[in-house]
């Protein structure tokens, strides 16, 4: 599995908040972003927050996401470059399991 940055998780949580229309989650994510950029927090607290965020998004290392709006999940075994947008697998994140399950996209983008 790829190593994700804290920014990857903040973006994922922001997307989730928008998708489900949860203003409280959007607010919490925004506050989380502010806290992570604060130099007033002790390092161990920041580390714990990053660890918690890392557990919130599960990815599958057999698939990757391109930049397309639709049909953006690709199998690593089938292709390493998106024929539509040109995104390279090496420059992309692994696919989120929840998106693959919700959209039934495990085989949709072969």
N, C-alpha and C. Protein backbone atom coordinates (compact mmCIF):
# COMPACT_ATOMS: atom_id res chain seq x y z
N UNK A 1 0.84 -1.19 0.00
CA UNK A 1 0.00 0.00 0.00
C UNK A 1 0.88 1.25 0.00
N UNK A 2 0.37 2.27 -0.62
CA UNK A 2 1.11 3.54 -0.67
C UNK A 2 0.99 4.27 0.67
N UNK A 3 1.97 5.11 0.94
CA UNK A 3 1.90 5.96 2.11
C UNK A 3 1.15 7.23 1.73
N UNK A 4 0.13 7.55 2.51
CA UNK A 4 -0.66 8.74 2.23
C UNK A 4 -0.23 9.87 3.16
N UNK A 5 -0.31 11.07 2.67
CA UNK A 5 -0.01 12.22 3.51
C UNK A 5 -1.26 12.63 4.26
N UNK A 6 -1.10 13.41 5.28
CA UNK A 6 -2.24 13.90 6.05
C UNK A 6 -3.16 14.72 5.15
N UNK A 7 -2.59 15.40 4.17
CA UNK A 7 -3.40 16.17 3.23
C UNK A 7 -4.34 15.27 2.43
N UNK A 8 -3.87 14.06 2.06
CA UNK A 8 -4.72 13.10 1.35
C UNK A 8 -5.97 12.78 2.18
N UNK A 9 -5.78 12.61 3.48
CA UNK A 9 -6.90 12.26 4.34
C UNK A 9 -7.84 13.44 4.57
N UNK A 10 -7.28 14.62 4.67
CA UNK A 10 -8.12 15.80 4.82
C UNK A 10 -8.98 16.00 3.57
N UNK A 11 -8.37 15.81 2.41
CA UNK A 11 -9.13 15.91 1.16
C UNK A 11 -10.21 14.85 1.10
N UNK A 12 -9.88 13.63 1.50
CA UNK A 12 -10.86 12.55 1.49
C UNK A 12 -12.01 12.84 2.44
N UNK A 13 -11.70 13.34 3.62
CA UNK A 13 -12.76 13.66 4.59
C UNK A 13 -13.61 14.83 4.11
N UNK A 14 -12.99 15.81 3.47
CA UNK A 14 -13.74 16.93 2.91
C UNK A 14 -14.69 16.44 1.82
N UNK A 15 -14.20 15.56 0.95
CA UNK A 15 -15.04 14.98 -0.10
C UNK A 15 -16.21 14.22 0.50
N UNK A 16 -15.93 13.44 1.54
CA UNK A 16 -16.98 12.66 2.19
C UNK A 16 -18.04 13.59 2.79
N UNK A 17 -17.61 14.65 3.44
CA UNK A 17 -18.55 15.61 4.04
C UNK A 17 -19.45 16.21 2.97
N UNK A 18 -18.87 16.53 1.81
CA UNK A 18 -19.66 17.09 0.72
C UNK A 18 -20.63 16.06 0.15
N UNK A 19 -20.16 14.84 0.00
CA UNK A 19 -21.00 13.77 -0.57
C UNK A 19 -22.22 13.48 0.28
N UNK A 20 -22.03 13.45 1.58
CA UNK A 20 -23.15 13.11 2.46
C UNK A 20 -23.87 14.34 2.98
N UNK A 21 -23.36 15.52 2.63
CA UNK A 21 -24.02 16.77 3.04
C UNK A 21 -24.01 17.00 4.54
N UNK A 22 -22.96 16.60 5.19
CA UNK A 22 -22.88 16.74 6.64
C UNK A 22 -22.04 17.97 7.01
N UNK A 23 -22.72 19.04 7.38
CA UNK A 23 -22.03 20.28 7.73
C UNK A 23 -21.17 20.12 8.98
N UNK A 24 -21.59 19.26 9.90
CA UNK A 24 -20.80 19.05 11.12
C UNK A 24 -19.46 18.39 10.80
N UNK A 25 -19.49 17.41 9.89
CA UNK A 25 -18.25 16.76 9.50
C UNK A 25 -17.35 17.74 8.76
N UNK A 26 -17.93 18.54 7.88
CA UNK A 26 -17.14 19.55 7.15
C UNK A 26 -16.48 20.51 8.12
N UNK A 27 -17.22 20.94 9.15
CA UNK A 27 -16.68 21.85 10.16
C UNK A 27 -15.54 21.16 10.94
N UNK A 28 -15.76 19.90 11.32
CA UNK A 28 -14.74 19.16 12.08
C UNK A 28 -13.46 19.00 11.25
N UNK A 29 -13.62 18.70 9.97
CA UNK A 29 -12.45 18.56 9.10
C UNK A 29 -11.71 19.88 8.99
N UNK A 30 -12.46 20.97 8.86
CA UNK A 30 -11.84 22.28 8.77
C UNK A 30 -11.07 22.61 10.06
N UNK A 31 -11.65 22.30 11.20
CA UNK A 31 -10.97 22.54 12.48
C UNK A 31 -9.73 21.65 12.61
N UNK A 32 -9.84 20.42 12.13
CA UNK A 32 -8.71 19.49 12.14
C UNK A 32 -7.56 20.06 11.32
N UNK A 33 -7.88 20.62 10.16
CA UNK A 33 -6.86 21.23 9.30
C UNK A 33 -6.18 22.39 10.02
N UNK A 34 -6.95 23.22 10.70
CA UNK A 34 -6.40 24.36 11.44
C UNK A 34 -5.49 23.87 12.56
N UNK A 35 -5.93 22.86 13.29
CA UNK A 35 -5.13 22.33 14.40
C UNK A 35 -3.80 21.76 13.92
N UNK A 36 -3.83 21.05 12.81
CA UNK A 36 -2.59 20.46 12.30
C UNK A 36 -1.57 21.51 11.88
N UNK A 37 -2.06 22.67 11.49
CA UNK A 37 -1.16 23.74 11.07
C UNK A 37 -0.76 24.66 12.23
N UNK A 38 -1.24 24.35 13.42
CA UNK A 38 -0.95 25.17 14.59
C UNK A 38 0.36 24.73 15.24
N UNK A 39 1.21 25.67 15.52
CA UNK A 39 2.48 25.35 16.19
C UNK A 39 2.29 25.28 17.71
N UNK A 40 1.09 25.58 18.20
CA UNK A 40 0.83 25.56 19.63
C UNK A 40 0.56 24.16 20.17
N UNK A 41 0.29 23.21 19.27
CA UNK A 41 -0.02 21.86 19.73
C UNK A 41 1.24 21.06 20.02
N UNK A 42 1.21 20.25 21.06
CA UNK A 42 2.36 19.38 21.34
C UNK A 42 2.52 18.35 20.22
N UNK A 43 3.75 17.98 19.94
CA UNK A 43 4.03 17.04 18.86
C UNK A 43 3.32 15.71 19.03
N UNK A 44 3.20 15.20 20.26
CA UNK A 44 2.54 13.91 20.45
C UNK A 44 1.05 13.98 20.12
N UNK A 45 0.42 15.12 20.39
CA UNK A 45 -1.00 15.29 20.04
C UNK A 45 -1.16 15.32 18.53
N UNK A 46 -0.30 16.04 17.85
CA UNK A 46 -0.35 16.08 16.39
C UNK A 46 -0.13 14.68 15.82
N UNK A 47 0.83 13.96 16.37
CA UNK A 47 1.11 12.60 15.92
C UNK A 47 -0.11 11.70 16.10
N UNK A 48 -0.77 11.81 17.26
CA UNK A 48 -1.96 11.00 17.52
C UNK A 48 -3.09 11.35 16.56
N UNK A 49 -3.25 12.63 16.25
CA UNK A 49 -4.29 13.06 15.31
C UNK A 49 -4.00 12.53 13.92
N UNK A 50 -2.75 12.56 13.50
CA UNK A 50 -2.38 12.04 12.18
C UNK A 50 -2.61 10.54 12.12
N UNK A 51 -2.28 9.84 13.20
CA UNK A 51 -2.50 8.41 13.26
C UNK A 51 -3.97 8.06 13.15
N UNK A 52 -4.82 8.83 13.84
CA UNK A 52 -6.27 8.61 13.77
C UNK A 52 -6.78 8.85 12.35
N UNK A 53 -6.31 9.90 11.72
CA UNK A 53 -6.74 10.21 10.35
C UNK A 53 -6.31 9.12 9.39
N UNK A 54 -5.13 8.57 9.60
CA UNK A 54 -4.63 7.52 8.72
C UNK A 54 -5.50 6.28 8.75
N UNK A 55 -6.17 6.04 9.86
CA UNK A 55 -7.02 4.87 9.98
C UNK A 55 -8.41 5.09 9.40
N UNK A 56 -8.76 6.33 9.07
CA UNK A 56 -10.12 6.63 8.66
C UNK A 56 -10.41 6.33 7.19
N UNK A 57 -9.39 6.23 6.35
CA UNK A 57 -9.60 5.95 4.94
C UNK A 57 -8.85 4.67 4.58
N UNK A 58 -9.59 3.68 4.13
CA UNK A 58 -8.98 2.41 3.74
C UNK A 58 -8.87 2.36 2.22
N UNK A 59 -7.70 1.94 1.74
CA UNK A 59 -7.47 1.83 0.31
C UNK A 59 -7.09 0.39 -0.05
N UNK A 60 -7.19 0.10 -1.31
CA UNK A 60 -6.83 -1.21 -1.82
C UNK A 60 -5.66 -1.05 -2.78
N UNK A 61 -4.57 -1.76 -2.51
CA UNK A 61 -3.36 -1.54 -3.30
C UNK A 61 -3.36 -2.27 -4.65
N UNK A 62 -4.48 -2.86 -5.03
CA UNK A 62 -4.57 -3.51 -6.34
C UNK A 62 -5.22 -2.60 -7.38
N UNK A 63 -5.74 -1.45 -6.93
CA UNK A 63 -6.42 -0.51 -7.82
C UNK A 63 -5.92 0.90 -7.56
N UNK A 64 -6.06 1.77 -8.54
CA UNK A 64 -5.61 3.15 -8.41
C UNK A 64 -6.63 4.08 -9.05
N UNK A 65 -6.59 5.37 -8.66
CA UNK A 65 -7.52 6.37 -9.16
C UNK A 65 -6.82 7.34 -10.10
N UNK A 66 -7.47 7.62 -11.24
CA UNK A 66 -6.96 8.65 -12.14
C UNK A 66 -7.70 9.96 -11.84
N UNK A 67 -7.56 10.94 -12.70
CA UNK A 67 -8.16 12.26 -12.48
C UNK A 67 -9.53 12.43 -13.14
N UNK A 68 -10.03 11.40 -13.83
CA UNK A 68 -11.32 11.49 -14.49
C UNK A 68 -12.46 11.65 -13.48
N UNK A 69 -13.54 12.28 -13.89
CA UNK A 69 -14.71 12.46 -13.02
C UNK A 69 -15.50 11.16 -12.90
N UNK A 70 -15.51 10.35 -13.94
CA UNK A 70 -16.21 9.07 -13.96
C UNK A 70 -15.24 7.99 -14.38
N UNK A 71 -15.52 6.76 -13.98
CA UNK A 71 -14.70 5.60 -14.35
C UNK A 71 -13.22 5.85 -14.05
N UNK A 72 -12.96 6.32 -12.85
CA UNK A 72 -11.61 6.70 -12.44
C UNK A 72 -10.86 5.61 -11.68
N UNK A 73 -11.49 4.50 -11.42
CA UNK A 73 -10.83 3.40 -10.70
C UNK A 73 -10.31 2.40 -11.73
N UNK A 74 -9.02 2.12 -11.64
CA UNK A 74 -8.38 1.20 -12.58
C UNK A 74 -7.66 0.09 -11.83
N UNK A 75 -7.64 -1.08 -12.42
CA UNK A 75 -6.89 -2.21 -11.87
C UNK A 75 -5.42 -2.04 -12.24
N UNK A 76 -4.54 -2.21 -11.27
CA UNK A 76 -3.10 -2.09 -11.54
C UNK A 76 -2.62 -3.21 -12.47
N UNK A 77 -3.31 -4.34 -12.41
CA UNK A 77 -2.93 -5.46 -13.27
C UNK A 77 -3.26 -5.20 -14.73
N UNK A 78 -4.25 -4.34 -14.98
CA UNK A 78 -4.72 -4.09 -16.35
C UNK A 78 -4.06 -2.90 -17.03
N UNK A 79 -3.77 -1.84 -16.27
CA UNK A 79 -3.18 -0.65 -16.90
C UNK A 79 -2.47 0.22 -15.87
N UNK A 80 -1.47 0.94 -16.35
CA UNK A 80 -0.73 1.86 -15.48
C UNK A 80 -0.90 3.31 -15.91
N UNK A 81 -1.62 3.53 -17.01
CA UNK A 81 -1.91 4.87 -17.50
C UNK A 81 -3.37 4.93 -17.92
N UNK A 82 -4.06 5.99 -17.52
CA UNK A 82 -5.45 6.17 -17.93
C UNK A 82 -5.46 6.61 -19.40
N UNK A 83 -6.21 5.92 -20.26
CA UNK A 83 -6.25 6.29 -21.66
C UNK A 83 -7.02 7.59 -21.93
N UNK A 84 -7.80 8.04 -20.95
CA UNK A 84 -8.60 9.25 -21.12
C UNK A 84 -7.83 10.50 -20.67
N UNK A 85 -7.39 10.51 -19.39
CA UNK A 85 -6.75 11.72 -18.85
C UNK A 85 -5.22 11.65 -18.84
N UNK A 86 -4.66 10.46 -19.06
CA UNK A 86 -3.21 10.32 -19.11
C UNK A 86 -2.52 10.20 -17.76
N UNK A 87 -3.30 10.15 -16.68
CA UNK A 87 -2.72 10.01 -15.34
C UNK A 87 -1.95 8.69 -15.24
N UNK A 88 -0.79 8.75 -14.61
CA UNK A 88 0.04 7.56 -14.39
C UNK A 88 -0.27 6.96 -13.02
N UNK A 89 -0.30 5.66 -12.96
CA UNK A 89 -0.57 4.96 -11.69
C UNK A 89 0.46 5.33 -10.63
N UNK A 90 1.70 5.49 -11.02
CA UNK A 90 2.77 5.80 -10.06
C UNK A 90 2.56 7.15 -9.38
N UNK A 91 1.83 8.05 -10.02
CA UNK A 91 1.58 9.38 -9.47
C UNK A 91 0.22 9.49 -8.80
N UNK A 92 -0.47 8.38 -8.65
CA UNK A 92 -1.84 8.40 -8.14
C UNK A 92 -1.97 7.68 -6.81
N UNK A 93 -3.11 7.90 -6.17
CA UNK A 93 -3.39 7.22 -4.92
C UNK A 93 -4.07 5.89 -5.19
N UNK A 94 -3.96 4.99 -4.24
CA UNK A 94 -4.70 3.74 -4.31
C UNK A 94 -6.18 4.05 -4.18
N UNK A 95 -7.01 3.17 -4.72
CA UNK A 95 -8.46 3.38 -4.69
C UNK A 95 -9.03 3.13 -3.30
N UNK A 96 -10.02 3.93 -2.95
CA UNK A 96 -10.71 3.77 -1.67
C UNK A 96 -11.66 2.59 -1.75
N UNK A 97 -11.60 1.75 -0.75
CA UNK A 97 -12.44 0.56 -0.72
C UNK A 97 -13.91 0.94 -0.69
N UNK A 98 -14.27 1.95 0.08
CA UNK A 98 -15.69 2.32 0.17
C UNK A 98 -16.24 2.79 -1.18
N UNK A 99 -15.44 3.49 -1.97
CA UNK A 99 -15.89 3.93 -3.29
C UNK A 99 -16.04 2.74 -4.23
N UNK A 100 -15.12 1.81 -4.15
CA UNK A 100 -15.19 0.64 -5.01
C UNK A 100 -16.42 -0.19 -4.68
N UNK A 101 -16.73 -0.31 -3.42
CA UNK A 101 -17.89 -1.08 -2.99
C UNK A 101 -19.18 -0.37 -3.36
N UNK A 102 -19.27 0.92 -3.04
CA UNK A 102 -20.49 1.70 -3.31
C UNK A 102 -20.82 1.76 -4.79
N UNK A 103 -19.81 1.89 -5.63
CA UNK A 103 -20.02 2.05 -7.06
C UNK A 103 -19.92 0.73 -7.81
N UNK A 104 -19.65 -0.36 -7.08
CA UNK A 104 -19.45 -1.67 -7.71
C UNK A 104 -18.45 -1.56 -8.85
N UNK A 105 -17.32 -0.93 -8.58
CA UNK A 105 -16.34 -0.64 -9.62
C UNK A 105 -15.14 -1.59 -9.59
N UNK A 106 -15.24 -2.71 -8.89
CA UNK A 106 -14.11 -3.61 -8.85
C UNK A 106 -13.74 -4.11 -10.25
N UNK A 107 -14.73 -4.26 -11.12
CA UNK A 107 -14.45 -4.75 -12.47
C UNK A 107 -14.89 -3.76 -13.54
N UNK A 108 -15.38 -2.61 -13.16
CA UNK A 108 -15.95 -1.67 -14.13
C UNK A 108 -14.90 -1.03 -15.03
N UNK A 109 -13.68 -0.91 -14.58
CA UNK A 109 -12.67 -0.17 -15.35
C UNK A 109 -11.52 -1.04 -15.81
N UNK A 110 -11.79 -2.15 -16.35
CA UNK A 110 -10.69 -3.01 -16.82
C UNK A 110 -10.10 -2.52 -18.10
